[in-house]
Amino acid sequence: MMIGLLLIMYLLTLYLAAIIVLQHCIRRQEQDPTPDIGVRFALREGQTIVGVRETATGVDFYIGDNMTDGR
């Protein structure tokens, strides 16, 4: 057999083995359910979210009453 064909078969075998191991690891991985924090808010008429900042404990929203026209 030609050495090139053996090399291709070897690489294909390694590729398939890696895919099987990866799929096996992904299936066994347990996902924690996303906690429902229950925080809901609604903007009143005229209010706008003017900023968002991500912190270690969550996400902060900055709400203002100033409406800008954008022109």
Protein backbone atom coordinates (compact mmCIF):
# COMPACT_ATOMS: atom_id res chain seq x y z
CA MET A 1 0.00 0.00 0.00
CA MET A 2 1.15 3.49 -0.64
CA ILE A 3 2.40 5.45 2.34
CA GLY A 4 0.14 8.40 1.44
CA LEU A 5 -2.99 6.24 1.64
CA LEU A 6 -1.92 4.84 5.01
CA LEU A 7 -1.34 8.37 6.31
CA ILE A 8 -4.78 9.51 5.18
CA MET A 9 -6.43 6.48 6.80
CA TYR A 10 -4.50 7.09 10.04
CA LEU A 11 -5.51 10.75 10.17
CA LEU A 12 -9.15 9.88 9.40
CA THR A 13 -9.13 7.34 12.23
CA LEU A 14 -7.71 9.90 14.67
CA TYR A 15 -10.30 12.48 13.54
CA LEU A 16 -13.20 10.07 14.03
CA ALA A 17 -11.91 9.01 17.44
CA ALA A 18 -11.64 12.65 18.53
CA ILE A 19 -15.19 13.39 17.36
CA ILE A 20 -16.57 10.36 19.24
CA VAL A 21 -14.76 11.34 22.45
CA LEU A 22 -15.94 14.94 22.13
CA GLN A 23 -19.57 13.91 21.64
CA HIS A 24 -19.34 11.53 24.57
CA CYS A 25 -18.00 14.29 26.83
CA ILE A 26 -20.66 16.77 25.71
CA ARG A 27 -23.50 14.31 26.37
CA ARG A 28 -22.26 13.56 29.90
CA GLN A 29 -21.95 17.24 30.78
CA GLU A 30 -24.63 18.36 33.21
CA GLN A 31 -26.13 21.80 32.85
CA ASP A 32 -27.36 23.70 35.86
CA PRO A 33 -30.76 25.29 35.33
CA THR A 34 -30.71 29.05 35.04
CA PRO A 35 -31.97 30.54 38.31
CA ASP A 36 -35.07 32.67 38.01
CA ILE A 37 -34.21 35.82 39.90
CA GLY A 38 -37.70 37.25 39.56
CA VAL A 39 -36.60 40.83 39.00
CA ARG A 40 -38.90 42.56 36.57
CA PHE A 41 -39.32 46.23 35.88
CA ALA A 42 -41.23 48.33 33.42
CA LEU A 43 -40.39 51.77 32.16
CA ARG A 44 -42.90 54.52 32.73
CA GLU A 45 -43.89 56.83 29.93
CA GLY A 46 -41.02 59.14 29.04
CA GLN A 47 -38.33 57.03 30.73
CA THR A 48 -35.37 55.74 28.76
CA ILE A 49 -32.60 53.27 29.56
CA VAL A 50 -29.53 55.47 29.29
CA GLY A 51 -26.91 52.96 30.36
CA VAL A 52 -26.24 49.33 31.20
CA ARG A 53 -23.34 48.04 33.28
CA GLU A 54 -22.49 44.44 34.08
CA THR A 55 -21.21 43.83 37.60
CA ALA A 56 -20.14 40.74 39.50
CA THR A 57 -23.59 40.44 41.09
CA GLY A 58 -25.72 41.20 38.03
CA VAL A 59 -26.60 43.87 35.52
CA ASP A 60 -27.30 47.50 36.45
CA PHE A 61 -29.67 49.59 34.34
CA TYR A 62 -29.53 53.36 34.43
CA ILE A 63 -32.91 54.93 33.73
CA GLY A 64 -33.47 58.57 32.92
CA ASP A 65 -36.45 60.80 32.21
CA ASN A 66 -34.72 62.78 29.48
CA MET A 67 -35.88 61.96 25.99
CA THR A 68 -33.44 62.84 23.23
CA ASP A 69 -34.60 63.39 19.70
CA GLY A 70 -31.45 61.94 18.13
CA ARG A 71 -31.14 64.73 15.55
